[in-house]
Amino acid sequence: MDETRPTPALGGSPSPPRGPTWGPEPGGGGSGSAPGAPMPAVFVGHGNPMNALESNVYTDGWRAIARALPPPKAILCVSAHWYVRGTHVTAMERPRTIHDFGGFPQALYEVDYPAPGDPRLAERIVGLLAPTPVELDRSWGLDHGTWSVLARMFPDADVPVVQLSLDRTQPASVHYDIGRRLGALRDEGVLVLGSGNLVHNLSAFSWGDPPGKPHAWAVEFEHRVRHGLDTGSHEALIAYETLGEAAAWSVPTPDHYLPFLSTIALARPGEPYSYPVEGFYGSSISMLAVRVG
């Protein structure tokens, strides 16, 4: 697919599932990792859903992230936009594309991301998270936190995708622990993708053209998070509410921050972090991406 063109509505017949989509891969490895190395995990700041159609520095960065990864056998996405009571995982063969937003151009509502699902992977996730009860969901699909990013990373929509919900009744520490328990998937060729924003405060967004510079508190909070990663201080990042006024402004609700915790929980001792996408959208949305491994 010509990567210089905006991603169109990805209609047509999706590619069939590739057979078994999880389980250790003999030899492992691929582009961007050593043979036998675990699949990296990635958190992306997804920002505006129009990124599914508009080419910019962020979408260019997402494409570069995907090119640097070993080809994934499947993708598990933890999206900020499935923030509900309980833990659920999509388990249908053909997840629908959910247009969970309002007030955007018609072209965005016509985007279809026809990636196959992976019920076997969903069952695997239920087993990994036991004894936490996980419901196999056959009604949700792929929300824009997932497909607006994947339309850029994997525009052919040929990699099976499942989504895992965020349980709004549970504290940040539980979401971190859920991510930790999914670590085996990295050895099975599954890309775990967290999609949210480290800083996400729409009430403080600058709607000017061009948008204003980021608020000082937004920059401060992102700096504290990066420092916490670079020093291995995950405990402070889990207890983000203790990081002062900058945290209160940057994370007024936890939904966009929790996918970050589920992603960094997959890090193994000594693994590096990198920041393949940086910057702010407007004044109060961090577009930082974090690669683990």
Protein backbone atom coordinates (compact mmCIF):
# COMPACT_ATOMS: atom_id res chain seq x y z
CA MET A 1 0.00 0.00 0.00
CA ASP A 2 1.27 3.48 -0.87
CA GLU A 3 2.17 4.94 2.51
CA THR A 4 2.23 8.51 1.16
CA ARG A 5 -1.54 8.45 0.67
CA PRO A 6 -4.12 8.90 3.44
CA THR A 7 -5.56 5.60 4.61
CA PRO A 8 -8.91 5.18 2.83
CA ALA A 9 -11.95 3.39 4.09
CA LEU A 10 -10.47 -0.05 4.27
CA GLY A 11 -13.43 -1.90 2.80
CA GLY A 12 -13.45 -5.14 0.91
CA SER A 13 -12.84 -8.65 2.12
CA PRO A 14 -10.39 -8.90 5.01
CA SER A 15 -7.62 -11.42 4.81
CA PRO A 16 -8.48 -14.73 6.47
CA PRO A 17 -6.93 -15.57 9.83
CA ARG A 18 -3.50 -17.13 9.50
CA GLY A 19 -4.28 -20.32 11.37
CA PRO A 20 -2.93 -20.64 14.92
CA THR A 21 -2.06 -17.13 16.02
CA TRP A 22 -0.34 -17.69 19.33
CA GLY A 23 2.21 -20.06 20.73
CA PRO A 24 6.01 -19.88 20.81
CA GLU A 25 7.61 -19.37 17.42
CA PRO A 26 10.68 -21.59 16.88
CA GLY A 27 13.67 -19.35 16.33
CA GLY A 28 11.59 -16.20 16.89
CA GLY A 29 12.95 -12.80 16.02
CA GLY A 30 12.44 -10.68 12.97
CA SER A 31 13.01 -7.09 11.90
CA GLY A 32 13.98 -4.96 14.88
CA SER A 33 14.78 -7.73 17.35
CA ALA A 34 17.36 -10.43 17.91
CA PRO A 35 16.47 -14.06 17.11
CA GLY A 36 14.47 -15.51 19.98
CA ALA A 37 13.86 -12.09 21.56
CA PRO A 38 10.39 -11.37 22.93
CA MET A 39 8.04 -9.22 20.91
CA PRO A 40 8.35 -5.59 22.04
CA ALA A 41 5.33 -3.99 23.66
CA VAL A 42 4.22 -0.52 22.60
CA PHE A 43 2.17 2.29 24.10
CA VAL A 44 0.96 5.00 21.73
CA GLY A 45 -0.64 8.35 22.36
CA HIS A 46 -3.50 8.16 19.86
CA GLY A 47 -4.83 11.71 20.06
CA ASN A 48 -7.31 12.84 17.39
CA PRO A 49 -9.15 10.03 15.54
CA MET A 50 -8.58 12.02 12.33
CA ASN A 51 -5.06 10.57 12.47
CA ALA A 52 -6.64 7.61 10.67
CA LEU A 53 -6.96 9.85 7.59
CA GLU A 54 -4.43 12.66 7.99
CA SER A 55 -0.70 12.14 7.51
CA ASN A 56 1.45 13.96 10.06
CA VAL A 57 4.51 13.46 12.24
CA TYR A 58 2.59 11.17 14.59
CA THR A 59 1.20 8.85 11.92
CA ASP A 60 4.62 8.75 10.27
CA GLY A 61 6.02 7.68 13.62
CA TRP A 62 3.44 4.91 14.02
CA ARG A 63 4.35 3.52 10.61
CA ALA A 64 8.01 3.57 11.59
CA ILE A 65 7.24 1.72 14.83
CA ALA A 66 5.49 -1.04 12.89
CA ARG A 67 8.32 -1.35 10.37
CA ALA A 68 10.81 -1.84 13.20
CA LEU A 69 8.84 -4.68 14.81
CA PRO A 70 8.99 -8.40 14.07
CA PRO A 71 5.83 -9.33 12.14
CA PRO A 72 3.26 -10.00 14.87
CA LYS A 73 1.11 -13.13 14.79
CA ALA A 74 -1.68 -11.19 16.50
CA ILE A 75 -2.29 -7.90 18.30
CA LEU A 76 -3.81 -7.38 21.73
CA CYS A 77 -4.89 -3.76 22.15
CA VAL A 78 -5.75 -2.15 25.49
CA SER A 79 -7.68 0.96 24.46
CA ALA A 80 -8.70 3.92 26.60
CA HIS A 81 -12.11 3.82 24.94
CA TRP A 82 -13.30 0.51 26.35
CA TYR A 83 -13.55 1.71 29.93
CA VAL A 84 -16.35 -0.32 31.49
CA ARG A 85 -17.28 -2.32 34.54
CA GLY A 86 -15.43 -5.65 34.53
CA THR A 87 -12.71 -7.19 32.38
CA HIS A 88 -13.73 -8.26 28.89
CA VAL A 89 -11.88 -9.49 25.82
CA THR A 90 -13.27 -9.52 22.29
CA ALA A 91 -13.76 -13.08 21.06
CA MET A 92 -15.46 -12.77 17.67
CA GLU A 93 -14.10 -13.86 14.30
CA ARG A 94 -14.88 -10.53 12.63
CA PRO A 95 -14.84 -7.56 15.02
CA ARG A 96 -16.76 -4.53 13.82
CA THR A 97 -15.23 -1.07 13.40
CA ILE A 98 -16.76 1.19 16.07
CA HIS A 99 -17.09 4.92 15.34
CA ASP A 100 -17.28 6.03 18.96
CA PHE A 101 -17.10 9.81 18.52
CA GLY A 102 -19.12 12.71 17.21
CA GLY A 103 -18.71 15.87 15.14
CA PHE A 104 -16.11 14.64 12.67
CA PRO A 105 -16.16 14.63 8.84
CA GLN A 106 -18.23 11.94 7.18
CA ALA A 107 -15.11 10.34 5.71
CA LEU A 108 -14.03 9.26 9.19
CA TYR A 109 -17.32 7.44 9.79
CA GLU A 110 -16.80 5.55 6.54
CA VAL A 111 -13.47 4.08 7.59
CA ASP A 112 -13.63 0.33 8.02
CA TYR A 113 -10.74 -1.60 9.54
CA PRO A 114 -11.61 -5.23 8.68
CA ALA A 115 -8.94 -7.05 10.66
CA PRO A 116 -9.94 -10.57 11.72
CA GLY A 117 -10.42 -11.41 15.35
CA ASP A 118 -8.80 -14.30 17.19
CA PRO A 119 -11.08 -16.27 19.54
CA ARG A 120 -8.23 -18.64 20.43
CA LEU A 121 -6.10 -15.75 21.61
CA ALA A 122 -9.06 -14.45 23.62
CA GLU A 123 -9.28 -17.82 25.39
CA ARG A 124 -5.52 -17.70 26.03
CA ILE A 125 -5.92 -14.29 27.68
CA VAL A 126 -8.71 -15.60 29.91
CA GLY A 127 -6.34 -18.32 31.08
CA LEU A 128 -3.42 -15.96 31.68
CA LEU A 129 -5.55 -13.60 33.77
CA ALA A 130 -7.15 -16.27 35.95
CA PRO A 131 -8.40 -16.09 38.65
CA THR A 132 -9.52 -12.61 37.56
CA PRO A 133 -12.87 -13.20 35.85
CA VAL A 134 -12.70 -12.23 32.17
CA GLU A 135 -15.80 -12.23 29.97
CA LEU A 136 -15.52 -13.35 26.35
CA ASP A 137 -17.22 -10.49 24.50
CA ARG A 138 -18.87 -10.89 21.09
CA SER A 139 -20.56 -7.49 20.77
CA TRP A 140 -17.92 -4.75 21.15
CA GLY A 141 -15.35 -4.77 18.32
CA LEU A 142 -12.51 -2.34 17.61
CA ASP A 143 -12.97 1.23 18.87
CA HIS A 144 -11.11 4.22 17.51
CA GLY A 145 -8.38 3.93 20.12
CA THR A 146 -7.45 0.74 18.30
CA TRP A 147 -8.29 1.15 14.63
CA SER A 148 -7.18 4.77 14.16
CA VAL A 149 -3.66 3.67 15.15
CA LEU A 150 -3.62 0.26 13.47
CA ALA A 151 -4.84 1.77 10.20
CA ARG A 152 -1.44 3.47 10.11
CA MET A 153 0.71 0.75 11.64
CA PHE A 154 -0.81 -2.20 9.75
CA PRO A 155 -2.87 -0.67 6.92
CA ASP A 156 -3.57 -4.01 5.23
CA ALA A 157 -5.65 -5.08 8.25
CA ASP A 158 -4.32 -8.63 7.89
CA VAL A 159 -3.11 -9.19 11.47
CA PRO A 160 -5.72 -10.61 13.89
CA VAL A 161 -6.73 -8.13 16.60
CA VAL A 162 -8.42 -8.53 19.98
CA GLN A 163 -9.22 -5.83 22.51
CA LEU A 164 -9.04 -6.00 26.28
CA SER A 165 -11.22 -3.68 28.34
CA LEU A 166 -10.24 -1.45 31.23
CA ASP A 167 -12.21 -2.20 34.41
CA ARG A 168 -13.31 1.19 35.68
CA THR A 169 -13.99 -0.25 39.14
CA GLN A 170 -10.34 -1.21 39.75
CA PRO A 171 -7.36 0.94 40.85
CA ALA A 172 -4.27 1.57 38.75
CA SER A 173 -2.34 -1.17 40.53
CA VAL A 174 -4.76 -3.81 39.21
CA HIS A 175 -4.32 -2.62 35.62
CA TYR A 176 -0.56 -2.79 36.04
CA ASP A 177 -0.85 -6.33 37.41
CA ILE A 178 -3.07 -7.38 34.50
CA GLY A 179 -0.41 -6.20 32.09
CA ARG A 180 2.27 -8.09 34.00
CA ARG A 181 0.30 -11.33 33.77
CA LEU A 182 0.09 -11.00 30.00
CA GLY A 183 3.88 -11.11 29.66
CA ALA A 184 3.94 -14.63 28.17
CA LEU A 185 2.24 -13.29 25.05
CA ARG A 186 5.44 -11.49 24.12
CA ASP A 187 7.15 -14.88 23.71
CA GLU A 188 4.28 -16.08 21.53
CA GLY A 189 4.54 -13.44 18.82
CA VAL A 190 1.70 -11.25 20.10
CA LEU A 191 2.10 -7.47 20.01
CA VAL A 192 0.57 -5.89 23.12
CA LEU A 193 -0.43 -2.34 22.19
CA GLY A 194 -1.61 0.17 24.77
CA SER A 195 -3.52 3.10 23.27
CA GLY A 196 -4.31 6.21 25.28
CA ASN A 197 -2.44 9.43 26.15
CA LEU A 198 -0.10 10.13 29.08
CA VAL A 199 -1.55 13.64 29.27
CA HIS A 200 -5.21 13.92 28.25
CA ASN A 201 -7.18 16.96 29.39
CA LEU A 202 -9.69 18.12 26.78
CA SER A 203 -11.05 20.86 29.04
CA ALA A 204 -7.62 22.57 28.89
CA PHE A 205 -7.11 21.98 25.15
CA SER A 206 -6.12 24.94 22.98
CA TRP A 207 -8.41 24.99 19.94
CA GLY A 208 -6.50 27.69 18.08
CA ASP A 209 -5.05 27.26 14.61
CA PRO A 210 -2.28 26.39 15.08
CA PRO A 211 -2.93 25.00 18.57
CA GLY A 212 -1.07 26.63 21.43
CA LYS A 213 2.10 25.45 23.10
CA PRO A 214 1.74 22.71 25.71
CA HIS A 215 0.89 23.79 29.23
CA ALA A 216 3.79 23.80 31.68
CA TRP A 217 2.02 21.21 33.86
CA ALA A 218 1.63 18.88 30.86
CA VAL A 219 5.33 19.08 30.06
CA GLU A 220 6.19 18.60 33.73
CA PHE A 221 4.06 15.47 34.09
CA GLU A 222 5.41 13.87 30.93
CA HIS A 223 8.93 14.61 32.17
CA ARG A 224 8.15 12.92 35.51
CA VAL A 225 6.77 9.86 33.73
CA ARG A 226 9.82 9.56 31.50
CA HIS A 227 12.08 9.95 34.52
CA GLY A 228 10.14 7.21 36.29
CA LEU A 229 10.64 4.88 33.33
CA ASP A 230 14.31 5.71 32.93
CA THR A 231 14.96 5.05 36.63
CA GLY A 232 12.74 1.99 36.90
CA SER A 233 10.37 3.70 39.34
CA HIS A 234 7.19 1.95 38.32
CA GLU A 235 5.73 2.29 41.80
CA ALA A 236 5.61 6.06 41.43
CA LEU A 237 3.95 5.76 38.03
CA ILE A 238 1.29 3.43 39.41
CA ALA A 239 0.62 5.89 42.23
CA TYR A 240 0.46 8.75 39.73
CA GLU A 241 -2.02 10.71 41.89
CA THR A 242 0.85 11.38 44.30
CA LEU A 243 2.88 13.20 41.66
CA GLY A 244 1.41 16.58 42.47
CA GLU A 245 -0.76 19.16 40.74
CA ALA A 246 0.76 18.38 37.34
CA ALA A 247 -0.64 14.85 37.59
CA ALA A 248 -4.08 16.10 38.61
CA TRP A 249 -4.26 18.32 35.54
CA SER A 250 -2.72 15.75 33.20
CA VAL A 251 -4.82 12.76 34.30
CA PRO A 252 -8.23 14.18 35.28
CA THR A 253 -9.70 10.73 34.54
CA PRO A 254 -7.67 7.51 34.46
CA ASP A 255 -8.96 5.99 31.21
CA HIS A 256 -6.23 7.32 28.88
CA TYR A 257 -3.42 6.70 31.38
CA LEU A 258 -4.19 3.10 32.35
CA PRO A 259 -3.19 1.55 28.98
CA PHE A 260 0.27 2.99 29.60
CA LEU A 261 0.52 1.11 32.91
CA SER A 262 -0.65 -2.14 31.31
CA THR A 263 2.10 -1.73 28.71
CA ILE A 264 5.07 -0.87 30.90
CA ALA A 265 4.15 -3.76 33.22
CA LEU A 266 5.34 -6.06 30.42
CA ALA A 267 8.95 -4.85 30.78
CA ARG A 268 11.52 -7.39 31.87
CA PRO A 269 14.58 -6.68 34.02
CA GLY A 270 17.17 -4.73 32.09
CA GLU A 271 15.00 -4.09 29.04
CA PRO A 272 15.37 -0.66 27.47
CA TYR A 273 12.64 1.88 26.85
CA SER A 274 12.58 4.13 23.82
CA TYR A 275 10.34 6.99 22.76
CA PRO A 276 9.74 6.63 19.01
CA VAL A 277 7.08 9.37 18.89
CA GLU A 278 7.18 12.60 20.88
CA GLY A 279 5.28 15.87 21.02
CA PHE A 280 2.01 17.45 22.10
CA TYR A 281 -1.21 17.86 20.18
CA GLY A 282 -2.59 21.20 21.13
CA SER A 283 -1.68 22.21 24.64
CA SER A 284 -2.90 19.29 26.72
CA ILE A 285 -2.60 16.01 24.78
CA SER A 286 0.72 14.13 24.97
CA MET A 287 1.42 12.06 21.86
CA LEU A 288 4.37 10.26 23.45
CA ALA A 289 4.87 6.65 22.36
CA VAL A 290 6.84 4.21 24.50
CA ARG A 291 8.43 1.04 23.19
CA VAL A 292 9.34 -1.66 25.70
CA GLY A 293 12.15 -3.93 24.47
